[in-house]
N, C-alpha and C. Protein backbone atom coordinates (compact mmCIF):
# COMPACT_ATOMS: atom_id res chain seq x y z
N MET A 1 -27.18 7.56 -0.80
CA MET A 1 -27.20 6.17 -0.36
C MET A 1 -28.40 5.99 0.58
N ASN A 2 -29.38 5.18 0.16
CA ASN A 2 -30.62 5.07 0.89
C ASN A 2 -30.74 3.81 1.74
N THR A 3 -29.76 2.94 1.66
CA THR A 3 -29.85 1.70 2.44
C THR A 3 -28.91 1.74 3.62
N LYS A 4 -29.11 0.77 4.50
CA LYS A 4 -28.25 0.66 5.67
C LYS A 4 -26.97 -0.09 5.36
N CYS A 5 -26.89 -0.64 4.17
CA CYS A 5 -25.71 -1.41 3.80
C CYS A 5 -24.76 -0.55 2.99
N TRP A 6 -23.51 -0.68 3.25
CA TRP A 6 -22.46 -0.04 2.47
C TRP A 6 -22.06 -1.08 1.43
N ILE A 7 -22.53 -0.93 0.18
CA ILE A 7 -22.32 -1.95 -0.84
C ILE A 7 -20.98 -1.75 -1.51
N VAL A 8 -20.21 -2.80 -1.54
CA VAL A 8 -18.85 -2.74 -2.05
C VAL A 8 -18.68 -3.75 -3.17
N ARG A 9 -18.18 -3.31 -4.33
CA ARG A 9 -17.82 -4.21 -5.40
C ARG A 9 -16.31 -4.19 -5.49
N LYS A 10 -15.75 -5.38 -5.46
CA LYS A 10 -14.30 -5.47 -5.30
C LYS A 10 -13.60 -5.64 -6.64
N LYS A 11 -12.50 -4.97 -6.81
CA LYS A 11 -11.64 -5.21 -7.95
C LYS A 11 -10.22 -5.17 -7.46
N ILE A 12 -9.30 -5.75 -8.20
CA ILE A 12 -7.91 -5.85 -7.74
C ILE A 12 -7.01 -5.02 -8.62
N ASP A 13 -6.29 -4.10 -8.02
CA ASP A 13 -5.20 -3.40 -8.68
C ASP A 13 -3.93 -3.91 -8.04
N MET A 14 -2.88 -4.08 -8.82
CA MET A 14 -1.65 -4.65 -8.30
C MET A 14 -0.58 -3.59 -8.17
N LEU A 15 0.04 -3.54 -7.02
CA LEU A 15 1.26 -2.77 -6.85
C LEU A 15 2.37 -3.78 -6.63
N SER A 16 3.13 -4.05 -7.66
CA SER A 16 4.17 -5.08 -7.57
C SER A 16 5.52 -4.41 -7.42
N LEU A 17 6.15 -4.62 -6.31
CA LEU A 17 7.46 -4.07 -6.04
C LEU A 17 8.43 -5.24 -6.06
N LEU A 18 9.00 -5.50 -7.23
CA LEU A 18 9.80 -6.71 -7.40
C LEU A 18 11.26 -6.34 -7.56
N SER A 19 12.11 -6.89 -6.73
CA SER A 19 13.54 -6.64 -6.80
C SER A 19 14.28 -7.93 -7.13
N LEU A 20 15.20 -7.86 -8.08
CA LEU A 20 15.99 -9.03 -8.45
C LEU A 20 16.93 -9.42 -7.32
N VAL A 21 17.50 -8.37 -6.66
CA VAL A 21 18.39 -8.62 -5.52
C VAL A 21 18.23 -7.45 -4.54
N PRO A 22 17.90 -7.39 -3.39
CA PRO A 22 17.91 -8.48 -2.44
C PRO A 22 16.54 -8.91 -1.97
N ILE A 23 15.43 -8.29 -2.51
CA ILE A 23 14.13 -8.62 -1.93
C ILE A 23 13.11 -8.90 -3.01
N LEU A 24 12.06 -9.56 -2.61
CA LEU A 24 10.90 -9.76 -3.47
C LEU A 24 9.67 -9.57 -2.61
N PHE A 25 8.86 -8.57 -2.96
CA PHE A 25 7.61 -8.46 -2.23
C PHE A 25 6.52 -7.97 -3.15
N LEU A 26 5.28 -8.24 -2.75
CA LEU A 26 4.13 -7.89 -3.57
C LEU A 26 3.09 -7.23 -2.70
N LEU A 27 2.63 -6.07 -3.17
CA LEU A 27 1.54 -5.39 -2.47
C LEU A 27 0.44 -5.22 -3.49
N SER A 28 -0.69 -5.81 -3.25
CA SER A 28 -1.81 -5.62 -4.16
C SER A 28 -2.93 -4.91 -3.42
N CYS A 29 -3.66 -4.07 -4.16
CA CYS A 29 -4.67 -3.28 -3.51
C CYS A 29 -5.73 -2.90 -4.51
N GLY A 30 -6.93 -2.72 -4.03
CA GLY A 30 -7.94 -2.21 -4.92
C GLY A 30 -9.28 -2.86 -4.66
N ASN A 31 -10.20 -2.76 -5.63
CA ASN A 31 -11.48 -3.38 -5.49
C ASN A 31 -11.95 -3.89 -6.84
N GLN A 32 -12.75 -4.93 -6.83
CA GLN A 32 -13.18 -5.58 -8.04
C GLN A 32 -14.44 -4.93 -8.54
N ASP A 33 -14.52 -4.75 -9.87
CA ASP A 33 -15.70 -4.18 -10.52
C ASP A 33 -16.01 -2.78 -10.02
N GLY A 34 -14.97 -2.00 -9.74
CA GLY A 34 -15.17 -0.59 -9.45
C GLY A 34 -15.57 -0.27 -8.05
N GLY A 35 -15.35 -1.13 -7.09
CA GLY A 35 -15.79 -0.88 -5.72
C GLY A 35 -14.85 -0.01 -4.93
N LYS A 36 -15.08 0.02 -3.63
CA LYS A 36 -14.41 1.02 -2.81
C LYS A 36 -13.49 0.44 -1.76
N ILE A 37 -13.56 -0.84 -1.48
CA ILE A 37 -12.73 -1.39 -0.42
C ILE A 37 -11.54 -2.09 -1.04
N PRO A 38 -10.32 -1.70 -0.69
CA PRO A 38 -9.15 -2.33 -1.28
C PRO A 38 -8.87 -3.70 -0.71
N GLU A 39 -8.35 -4.58 -1.56
CA GLU A 39 -7.86 -5.88 -1.13
C GLU A 39 -6.37 -5.91 -1.32
N GLN A 40 -5.62 -6.43 -0.37
CA GLN A 40 -4.19 -6.49 -0.47
C GLN A 40 -3.67 -7.86 -0.15
N LYS A 41 -2.66 -8.25 -0.88
CA LYS A 41 -1.97 -9.50 -0.61
C LYS A 41 -0.48 -9.21 -0.57
N ALA A 42 0.17 -9.69 0.42
CA ALA A 42 1.60 -9.44 0.56
C ALA A 42 2.34 -10.75 0.62
N ALA A 43 3.22 -10.96 -0.34
CA ALA A 43 4.02 -12.18 -0.34
C ALA A 43 5.20 -12.03 0.59
N SER A 44 5.71 -13.16 1.06
CA SER A 44 6.87 -13.12 1.94
C SER A 44 8.10 -12.67 1.17
N PRO A 45 8.96 -11.86 1.77
CA PRO A 45 10.15 -11.40 1.08
C PRO A 45 11.13 -12.54 0.87
N LYS A 46 11.78 -12.53 -0.26
CA LYS A 46 12.81 -13.51 -0.56
C LYS A 46 14.13 -12.78 -0.71
N VAL A 47 15.07 -13.07 0.14
CA VAL A 47 16.34 -12.38 0.13
C VAL A 47 17.37 -13.24 -0.57
N GLN A 48 18.05 -12.64 -1.52
CA GLN A 48 19.08 -13.35 -2.24
C GLN A 48 20.39 -12.59 -2.11
N PRO A 49 21.50 -13.27 -1.87
CA PRO A 49 22.78 -12.59 -1.77
C PRO A 49 23.20 -12.04 -3.12
N ALA A 50 23.91 -10.93 -3.08
CA ALA A 50 24.40 -10.32 -4.31
C ALA A 50 25.78 -9.74 -4.05
N GLU A 51 26.61 -9.78 -5.06
CA GLU A 51 27.93 -9.19 -4.92
C GLU A 51 27.80 -7.68 -4.85
N SER A 52 28.53 -7.08 -3.95
CA SER A 52 28.44 -5.64 -3.76
C SER A 52 29.41 -4.93 -4.69
N SER A 53 28.86 -4.04 -5.48
CA SER A 53 29.69 -3.19 -6.33
C SER A 53 28.91 -1.94 -6.67
N ILE A 54 29.62 -0.85 -6.84
CA ILE A 54 28.97 0.43 -7.09
C ILE A 54 28.54 0.49 -8.55
N SER A 55 27.27 0.81 -8.80
CA SER A 55 26.77 1.00 -10.15
C SER A 55 25.69 2.07 -10.11
N ALA A 56 25.71 2.95 -11.06
CA ALA A 56 24.80 4.08 -11.06
C ALA A 56 23.51 3.75 -11.80
N THR A 57 22.41 4.33 -11.32
CA THR A 57 21.12 4.27 -11.99
C THR A 57 20.55 5.70 -12.00
N PRO A 58 19.47 5.93 -12.73
CA PRO A 58 18.85 7.27 -12.70
C PRO A 58 18.32 7.66 -11.33
N TYR A 59 18.27 6.71 -10.39
CA TYR A 59 17.73 6.98 -9.05
C TYR A 59 18.81 6.96 -7.97
N GLY A 60 20.04 6.84 -8.35
CA GLY A 60 21.13 6.73 -7.39
C GLY A 60 21.88 5.42 -7.62
N THR A 61 22.75 5.09 -6.69
CA THR A 61 23.51 3.85 -6.86
C THR A 61 22.61 2.64 -6.63
N LYS A 62 22.95 1.56 -7.29
CA LYS A 62 22.21 0.31 -7.14
C LYS A 62 22.15 -0.11 -5.67
N GLU A 63 23.27 0.05 -4.99
CA GLU A 63 23.35 -0.37 -3.59
C GLU A 63 22.43 0.46 -2.70
N ASP A 64 22.38 1.78 -2.95
CA ASP A 64 21.51 2.64 -2.15
C ASP A 64 20.03 2.29 -2.37
N ILE A 65 19.69 2.01 -3.61
CA ILE A 65 18.30 1.67 -3.91
C ILE A 65 17.91 0.35 -3.23
N GLU A 66 18.78 -0.63 -3.33
CA GLU A 66 18.49 -1.93 -2.72
C GLU A 66 18.38 -1.82 -1.20
N GLN A 67 19.23 -1.01 -0.61
CA GLN A 67 19.17 -0.81 0.84
C GLN A 67 17.84 -0.15 1.23
N TYR A 68 17.43 0.83 0.46
CA TYR A 68 16.16 1.50 0.74
C TYR A 68 14.98 0.53 0.62
N LEU A 69 14.96 -0.27 -0.45
CA LEU A 69 13.87 -1.23 -0.64
C LEU A 69 13.84 -2.25 0.49
N SER A 70 15.00 -2.62 0.97
CA SER A 70 15.06 -3.55 2.11
C SER A 70 14.47 -2.92 3.36
N GLN A 71 14.65 -1.60 3.52
CA GLN A 71 14.10 -0.91 4.68
C GLN A 71 12.58 -0.84 4.64
N ILE A 72 12.03 -0.56 3.48
CA ILE A 72 10.57 -0.37 3.42
C ILE A 72 9.81 -1.69 3.24
N ASN A 73 10.50 -2.73 2.81
CA ASN A 73 9.84 -4.00 2.54
C ASN A 73 8.99 -4.52 3.71
N PRO A 74 9.50 -4.56 4.95
CA PRO A 74 8.66 -5.07 6.05
C PRO A 74 7.39 -4.25 6.24
N HIS A 75 7.47 -2.97 5.97
CA HIS A 75 6.31 -2.10 6.17
C HIS A 75 5.29 -2.28 5.05
N VAL A 76 5.76 -2.54 3.83
CA VAL A 76 4.86 -2.89 2.74
C VAL A 76 4.12 -4.18 3.08
N GLN A 77 4.86 -5.15 3.59
CA GLN A 77 4.26 -6.41 3.99
C GLN A 77 3.17 -6.20 5.06
N GLU A 78 3.46 -5.36 6.01
CA GLU A 78 2.52 -5.14 7.12
C GLU A 78 1.28 -4.39 6.66
N VAL A 79 1.44 -3.43 5.76
CA VAL A 79 0.29 -2.73 5.20
C VAL A 79 -0.63 -3.73 4.50
N GLY A 80 -0.03 -4.66 3.75
CA GLY A 80 -0.82 -5.69 3.09
C GLY A 80 -1.53 -6.60 4.07
N ARG A 81 -0.83 -6.98 5.14
CA ARG A 81 -1.43 -7.85 6.15
C ARG A 81 -2.62 -7.16 6.82
N VAL A 82 -2.46 -5.90 7.13
CA VAL A 82 -3.53 -5.13 7.76
C VAL A 82 -4.76 -5.09 6.85
N GLN A 83 -4.52 -4.84 5.56
CA GLN A 83 -5.66 -4.75 4.65
C GLN A 83 -6.37 -6.09 4.50
N LEU A 84 -5.61 -7.16 4.53
CA LEU A 84 -6.23 -8.49 4.46
C LEU A 84 -7.18 -8.71 5.65
N LEU A 85 -6.77 -8.24 6.82
CA LEU A 85 -7.63 -8.38 8.00
C LEU A 85 -8.94 -7.63 7.81
N VAL A 86 -8.84 -6.46 7.19
CA VAL A 86 -10.05 -5.67 6.93
C VAL A 86 -10.92 -6.37 5.89
N ASP A 87 -10.29 -6.86 4.82
CA ASP A 87 -11.04 -7.47 3.73
C ASP A 87 -11.81 -8.71 4.15
N LYS A 88 -11.31 -9.40 5.18
CA LYS A 88 -11.99 -10.61 5.64
C LYS A 88 -13.40 -10.32 6.13
N ASN A 89 -13.65 -9.06 6.48
CA ASN A 89 -14.97 -8.69 6.99
C ASN A 89 -15.96 -8.33 5.90
N ILE A 90 -15.48 -8.30 4.65
CA ILE A 90 -16.38 -7.97 3.54
C ILE A 90 -17.17 -9.20 3.11
N GLY A 91 -16.46 -10.32 2.95
CA GLY A 91 -17.12 -11.55 2.54
C GLY A 91 -17.32 -11.63 1.04
N SER A 92 -17.71 -12.79 0.58
CA SER A 92 -17.85 -13.03 -0.86
C SER A 92 -19.02 -12.28 -1.47
N SER A 93 -19.96 -11.83 -0.67
CA SER A 93 -21.12 -11.11 -1.19
C SER A 93 -20.75 -9.72 -1.68
N GLY A 94 -19.61 -9.20 -1.24
CA GLY A 94 -19.22 -7.86 -1.63
C GLY A 94 -19.96 -6.78 -0.87
N ARG A 95 -20.65 -7.16 0.20
CA ARG A 95 -21.39 -6.19 1.00
C ARG A 95 -20.66 -5.95 2.32
N ALA A 96 -20.41 -4.70 2.58
CA ALA A 96 -19.76 -4.35 3.84
C ALA A 96 -20.59 -3.30 4.55
N THR A 97 -20.61 -3.35 5.86
CA THR A 97 -21.32 -2.36 6.65
C THR A 97 -20.38 -1.76 7.67
N GLY A 98 -20.77 -0.62 8.19
CA GLY A 98 -19.98 -0.01 9.24
C GLY A 98 -19.80 -0.94 10.42
N SER A 99 -20.82 -1.75 10.70
CA SER A 99 -20.76 -2.62 11.87
C SER A 99 -19.71 -3.71 11.73
N ASN A 100 -19.43 -4.17 10.49
CA ASN A 100 -18.42 -5.22 10.37
C ASN A 100 -17.04 -4.70 9.99
N LEU A 101 -16.97 -3.46 9.51
CA LEU A 101 -15.67 -2.89 9.16
C LEU A 101 -15.07 -2.03 10.27
N ALA A 102 -15.89 -1.19 10.88
CA ALA A 102 -15.38 -0.22 11.84
C ALA A 102 -14.60 -0.85 13.00
N PRO A 103 -15.08 -1.92 13.63
CA PRO A 103 -14.31 -2.49 14.74
C PRO A 103 -12.94 -2.99 14.31
N THR A 104 -12.86 -3.64 13.14
CA THR A 104 -11.56 -4.12 12.67
C THR A 104 -10.64 -2.96 12.32
N MET A 105 -11.19 -1.96 11.63
CA MET A 105 -10.39 -0.79 11.26
C MET A 105 -9.85 -0.09 12.51
N LYS A 106 -10.68 -0.03 13.54
CA LYS A 106 -10.25 0.60 14.79
C LYS A 106 -9.10 -0.16 15.42
N SER A 107 -9.14 -1.49 15.33
CA SER A 107 -8.10 -2.31 15.96
C SER A 107 -6.77 -2.25 15.20
N VAL A 108 -6.82 -2.06 13.88
CA VAL A 108 -5.58 -2.09 13.09
C VAL A 108 -5.03 -0.69 12.78
N LYS A 109 -5.83 0.33 13.01
CA LYS A 109 -5.38 1.70 12.70
C LYS A 109 -4.09 2.07 13.43
N PRO A 110 -3.90 1.70 14.71
CA PRO A 110 -2.63 2.03 15.37
C PRO A 110 -1.42 1.40 14.68
N THR A 111 -1.61 0.24 14.06
CA THR A 111 -0.50 -0.39 13.34
C THR A 111 -0.09 0.47 12.16
N LEU A 112 -1.06 0.97 11.41
CA LEU A 112 -0.73 1.84 10.28
C LEU A 112 -0.10 3.14 10.76
N GLU A 113 -0.57 3.65 11.88
CA GLU A 113 0.01 4.89 12.42
C GLU A 113 1.47 4.67 12.81
N ALA A 114 1.77 3.50 13.38
CA ALA A 114 3.16 3.19 13.74
C ALA A 114 4.02 3.05 12.49
N ILE A 115 3.47 2.45 11.44
CA ILE A 115 4.21 2.32 10.18
C ILE A 115 4.50 3.69 9.60
N LEU A 116 3.53 4.57 9.63
CA LEU A 116 3.73 5.91 9.10
C LEU A 116 4.82 6.64 9.87
N ASP A 117 4.84 6.49 11.19
CA ASP A 117 5.89 7.11 12.00
C ASP A 117 7.26 6.57 11.62
N THR A 118 7.35 5.26 11.41
CA THR A 118 8.62 4.65 11.04
C THR A 118 9.07 5.14 9.67
N LEU A 119 8.14 5.19 8.71
CA LEU A 119 8.49 5.67 7.37
C LEU A 119 8.99 7.11 7.41
N SER A 120 8.46 7.89 8.34
CA SER A 120 8.89 9.29 8.46
C SER A 120 10.33 9.40 8.93
N ASN A 121 10.84 8.34 9.56
CA ASN A 121 12.22 8.35 10.05
C ASN A 121 13.20 7.66 9.10
N ILE A 122 12.70 7.21 7.95
CA ILE A 122 13.57 6.60 6.94
C ILE A 122 14.00 7.67 5.95
N ASN A 123 15.28 7.74 5.69
CA ASN A 123 15.80 8.70 4.71
C ASN A 123 16.06 7.97 3.40
N PRO A 124 15.21 8.19 2.40
CA PRO A 124 15.40 7.51 1.12
C PRO A 124 16.53 8.16 0.33
N PRO A 125 17.06 7.49 -0.68
CA PRO A 125 17.99 8.16 -1.59
C PRO A 125 17.32 9.43 -2.13
N PRO A 126 18.06 10.50 -2.30
CA PRO A 126 17.45 11.78 -2.72
C PRO A 126 16.51 11.67 -3.91
N LEU A 127 16.89 10.86 -4.89
CA LEU A 127 16.08 10.76 -6.10
C LEU A 127 14.87 9.84 -5.93
N LEU A 128 14.73 9.24 -4.75
CA LEU A 128 13.54 8.44 -4.43
C LEU A 128 12.67 9.12 -3.37
N SER A 129 12.99 10.37 -3.07
CA SER A 129 12.22 11.10 -2.05
C SER A 129 10.76 11.24 -2.43
N SER A 130 10.49 11.49 -3.72
CA SER A 130 9.11 11.65 -4.17
C SER A 130 8.35 10.33 -4.04
N PHE A 131 8.98 9.24 -4.42
CA PHE A 131 8.36 7.92 -4.27
C PHE A 131 8.06 7.63 -2.81
N HIS A 132 9.03 7.91 -1.95
CA HIS A 132 8.85 7.64 -0.52
C HIS A 132 7.71 8.50 0.04
N GLY A 133 7.66 9.74 -0.40
CA GLY A 133 6.59 10.62 0.06
C GLY A 133 5.22 10.11 -0.35
N ASP A 134 5.14 9.56 -1.57
CA ASP A 134 3.86 9.03 -2.03
C ASP A 134 3.48 7.76 -1.27
N PHE A 135 4.47 6.96 -0.91
CA PHE A 135 4.16 5.76 -0.12
C PHE A 135 3.62 6.16 1.26
N LYS A 136 4.24 7.17 1.86
CA LYS A 136 3.72 7.66 3.14
C LYS A 136 2.30 8.22 2.98
N LYS A 137 2.08 8.91 1.86
CA LYS A 137 0.75 9.46 1.61
C LYS A 137 -0.28 8.34 1.48
N LEU A 138 0.11 7.24 0.84
CA LEU A 138 -0.78 6.10 0.70
C LEU A 138 -1.20 5.56 2.07
N VAL A 139 -0.23 5.39 2.96
CA VAL A 139 -0.54 4.90 4.30
C VAL A 139 -1.43 5.90 5.04
N ALA A 140 -1.13 7.19 4.88
CA ALA A 140 -1.92 8.23 5.54
C ALA A 140 -3.36 8.23 5.04
N LEU A 141 -3.54 8.00 3.75
CA LEU A 141 -4.89 7.95 3.19
C LEU A 141 -5.67 6.77 3.76
N ARG A 142 -4.99 5.63 3.92
CA ARG A 142 -5.64 4.49 4.52
C ARG A 142 -6.07 4.79 5.96
N ILE A 143 -5.19 5.43 6.70
CA ILE A 143 -5.51 5.80 8.08
C ILE A 143 -6.74 6.71 8.11
N SER A 144 -6.74 7.70 7.22
CA SER A 144 -7.86 8.64 7.17
C SER A 144 -9.16 7.94 6.80
N ALA A 145 -9.09 7.01 5.84
CA ALA A 145 -10.28 6.28 5.42
C ALA A 145 -10.81 5.41 6.55
N TYR A 146 -9.90 4.77 7.28
CA TYR A 146 -10.32 3.94 8.41
C TYR A 146 -10.98 4.82 9.48
N ASP A 147 -10.35 5.94 9.77
CA ASP A 147 -10.87 6.84 10.79
C ASP A 147 -12.26 7.35 10.39
N THR A 148 -12.41 7.70 9.11
CA THR A 148 -13.70 8.20 8.63
C THR A 148 -14.77 7.12 8.74
N THR A 149 -14.41 5.88 8.43
CA THR A 149 -15.36 4.77 8.55
C THR A 149 -15.78 4.56 10.00
N ILE A 150 -14.82 4.66 10.90
CA ILE A 150 -15.12 4.51 12.33
C ILE A 150 -16.09 5.60 12.79
N ARG A 151 -15.81 6.83 12.38
CA ARG A 151 -16.70 7.94 12.74
C ARG A 151 -18.06 7.77 12.07
N GLY A 152 -18.04 7.27 10.81
CA GLY A 152 -19.29 7.08 10.09
C GLY A 152 -20.20 6.08 10.77
N TYR A 153 -19.61 5.03 11.31
CA TYR A 153 -20.40 4.02 11.99
C TYR A 153 -21.03 4.59 13.26
N SER A 154 -20.26 5.41 13.96
CA SER A 154 -20.79 6.04 15.17
C SER A 154 -21.97 6.95 14.83
N VAL A 155 -21.82 7.74 13.75
CA VAL A 155 -22.91 8.63 13.34
C VAL A 155 -24.11 7.83 12.85
N GLU A 156 -23.84 6.75 12.12
CA GLU A 156 -24.94 5.91 11.63
C GLU A 156 -25.77 5.36 12.79
N LYS A 157 -25.11 4.90 13.83
CA LYS A 157 -25.84 4.35 14.98
C LYS A 157 -26.68 5.41 15.67
N GLU A 158 -26.17 6.65 15.69
CA GLU A 158 -26.88 7.71 16.41
C GLU A 158 -28.00 8.33 15.58
N THR A 159 -27.75 8.53 14.28
CA THR A 159 -28.70 9.30 13.46
C THR A 159 -29.17 8.57 12.21
N GLY A 160 -28.49 7.49 11.83
CA GLY A 160 -28.83 6.81 10.58
C GLY A 160 -28.19 7.44 9.36
N ASP A 161 -27.44 8.52 9.56
CA ASP A 161 -26.77 9.21 8.45
C ASP A 161 -25.59 8.38 7.95
N LEU A 162 -25.52 8.16 6.61
CA LEU A 162 -24.46 7.35 6.02
C LEU A 162 -23.47 8.17 5.19
N SER A 163 -23.57 9.49 5.28
CA SER A 163 -22.78 10.34 4.38
C SER A 163 -21.28 10.21 4.58
N LEU A 164 -20.83 9.91 5.79
CA LEU A 164 -19.39 9.80 6.02
C LEU A 164 -18.79 8.61 5.28
N TYR A 165 -19.59 7.60 4.98
CA TYR A 165 -19.08 6.46 4.24
C TYR A 165 -18.65 6.88 2.83
N LYS A 166 -19.37 7.83 2.25
CA LYS A 166 -18.98 8.33 0.93
C LYS A 166 -17.62 9.02 1.00
N GLU A 167 -17.39 9.73 2.09
CA GLU A 167 -16.08 10.38 2.28
C GLU A 167 -14.97 9.33 2.38
N ALA A 168 -15.25 8.25 3.10
CA ALA A 168 -14.26 7.17 3.22
C ALA A 168 -13.98 6.53 1.87
N GLU A 169 -15.04 6.35 1.08
CA GLU A 169 -14.86 5.77 -0.25
C GLU A 169 -13.99 6.66 -1.13
N ALA A 170 -14.19 7.98 -1.01
CA ALA A 170 -13.38 8.91 -1.80
C ALA A 170 -11.91 8.84 -1.39
N GLN A 171 -11.66 8.69 -0.10
CA GLN A 171 -10.28 8.57 0.37
C GLN A 171 -9.63 7.29 -0.14
N LEU A 172 -10.39 6.20 -0.16
CA LEU A 172 -9.86 4.94 -0.67
C LEU A 172 -9.64 5.01 -2.18
N ASP A 173 -10.51 5.71 -2.88
CA ASP A 173 -10.31 5.89 -4.32
C ASP A 173 -9.02 6.65 -4.59
N GLU A 174 -8.77 7.67 -3.80
CA GLU A 174 -7.53 8.44 -3.96
C GLU A 174 -6.31 7.56 -3.70
N ALA A 175 -6.42 6.70 -2.69
CA ALA A 175 -5.32 5.79 -2.38
C ALA A 175 -5.08 4.82 -3.54
N ASN A 176 -6.16 4.33 -4.15
CA ASN A 176 -6.01 3.40 -5.26
C ASN A 176 -5.36 4.06 -6.48
N LYS A 177 -5.71 5.30 -6.73
CA LYS A 177 -5.08 6.03 -7.83
C LYS A 177 -3.59 6.22 -7.55
N LEU A 178 -3.25 6.47 -6.30
CA LEU A 178 -1.85 6.65 -5.93
C LEU A 178 -1.08 5.35 -6.12
N ILE A 179 -1.74 4.22 -5.87
CA ILE A 179 -1.08 2.93 -6.05
C ILE A 179 -0.72 2.71 -7.52
N VAL A 180 -1.59 3.12 -8.43
CA VAL A 180 -1.28 3.00 -9.86
C VAL A 180 -0.03 3.82 -10.19
N GLN A 181 0.04 5.01 -9.62
CA GLN A 181 1.20 5.88 -9.84
C GLN A 181 2.48 5.25 -9.28
N LEU A 182 2.38 4.73 -8.06
CA LEU A 182 3.53 4.07 -7.43
C LEU A 182 3.97 2.84 -8.22
N ASN A 183 3.00 2.12 -8.75
CA ASN A 183 3.31 0.94 -9.52
C ASN A 183 4.13 1.30 -10.76
N GLY A 184 3.72 2.36 -11.45
CA GLY A 184 4.46 2.80 -12.62
C GLY A 184 5.87 3.23 -12.29
N GLU A 185 6.01 3.96 -11.20
CA GLU A 185 7.34 4.42 -10.80
C GLU A 185 8.22 3.26 -10.36
N MET A 186 7.62 2.30 -9.63
CA MET A 186 8.42 1.17 -9.19
C MET A 186 8.89 0.33 -10.37
N GLY A 187 8.08 0.24 -11.41
CA GLY A 187 8.50 -0.47 -12.60
C GLY A 187 9.77 0.14 -13.20
N LYS A 188 9.83 1.46 -13.19
CA LYS A 188 11.01 2.15 -13.71
C LYS A 188 12.22 1.91 -12.81
N ILE A 189 11.99 1.92 -11.51
CA ILE A 189 13.08 1.68 -10.57
C ILE A 189 13.64 0.27 -10.75
N MET A 190 12.74 -0.71 -10.85
CA MET A 190 13.19 -2.09 -11.04
C MET A 190 13.94 -2.26 -12.35
N GLN A 191 13.48 -1.57 -13.39
CA GLN A 191 14.17 -1.66 -14.67
C GLN A 191 15.57 -1.07 -14.57
N SER A 192 15.71 0.00 -13.82
CA SER A 192 17.03 0.61 -13.66
C SER A 192 17.98 -0.33 -12.91
N LEU A 193 17.45 -1.06 -11.93
CA LEU A 193 18.28 -2.03 -11.21
C LEU A 193 18.67 -3.20 -12.12
N SER A 194 17.72 -3.64 -12.94
CA SER A 194 18.01 -4.73 -13.85
C SER A 194 19.08 -4.32 -14.86
N THR A 195 18.97 -3.10 -15.37
CA THR A 195 19.96 -2.60 -16.32
C THR A 195 21.32 -2.49 -15.68
N ALA A 196 21.36 -2.00 -14.44
CA ALA A 196 22.64 -1.86 -13.73
C ALA A 196 23.27 -3.23 -13.51
N SER A 197 22.44 -4.23 -13.16
CA SER A 197 22.96 -5.57 -12.94
C SER A 197 23.51 -6.16 -14.23
N THR A 198 22.81 -5.91 -15.34
CA THR A 198 23.26 -6.41 -16.65
C THR A 198 24.60 -5.78 -17.03
N GLN A 199 24.69 -4.47 -16.77
CA GLN A 199 25.95 -3.78 -17.10
C GLN A 199 27.10 -4.30 -16.25
N GLN A 200 26.81 -4.61 -14.97
CA GLN A 200 27.85 -5.19 -14.11
C GLN A 200 28.32 -6.52 -14.66
N THR A 201 27.36 -7.35 -15.07
CA THR A 201 27.70 -8.68 -15.56
C THR A 201 28.52 -8.60 -16.84
N ALA A 202 28.18 -7.60 -17.66
CA ALA A 202 28.87 -7.47 -18.95
C ALA A 202 30.23 -6.84 -18.84
N SER A 203 30.50 -6.17 -17.71
CA SER A 203 31.79 -5.49 -17.54
C SER A 203 32.89 -6.53 -17.38
N PRO A 204 34.09 -6.28 -18.01
CA PRO A 204 35.19 -7.23 -17.87
C PRO A 204 35.72 -7.27 -16.46
C-alpha cells in the first residue's frame, strides 16, 4: 500500500437472526464490492407473546432456544450500533483513513469489550454452545481489528508505515467469513423453531 489513504470498498453481507417468537432482530455486516470495513444495521427487537409449552428441536427445547436468543438480542443490537458509528466515518467515497477511523474505534472498543464479558457469562443451551462461541469470536475479532487500526494510526503518524492496516483488514475479513457461517447456522435454528411451532399448532 503506497498511499496515505486506506481505501475501502464497501459491500453488505447480512446476518439475519429472525425469531417468530419472542424476538426479531437483524445484524448486517460486511463491505460492498469486496472491501474491508463492515457495515452493520440493527433493527429494533419486536417481542411477541407466545404460549409456553415444551417442544423439542435439534438444538434443545423451543423454550430454551427462545430464552437464549432473548438474552443475546440486546448485545447483537449493540454490536450493530457500534459498527454504524464506525461506518459513519467512511463516507460515501468509500475512503477511510486511520485519522478518521482510529478515534471512533478507540471510543467504542470498551463497549465491545463489555459485550464480550457479558457474553462470556451467558450459558447457552448445550447444543448452541458452538454458535455462542462463534458469536463471541466475532466480537473478539472486531475488538482486535479496532485495536490494530488504533495502533496502525499511531505507527503511521510516527513512521508513515501502513502495514498494520493490512492486518486489521485481514481480521475484518475473518469476521465477515464467520458471519456467513453464523448466518447459515441461525437459519437452521430458526427453521427448527418454526417446525416446532407448526407441530405444536397441529397437535390436538
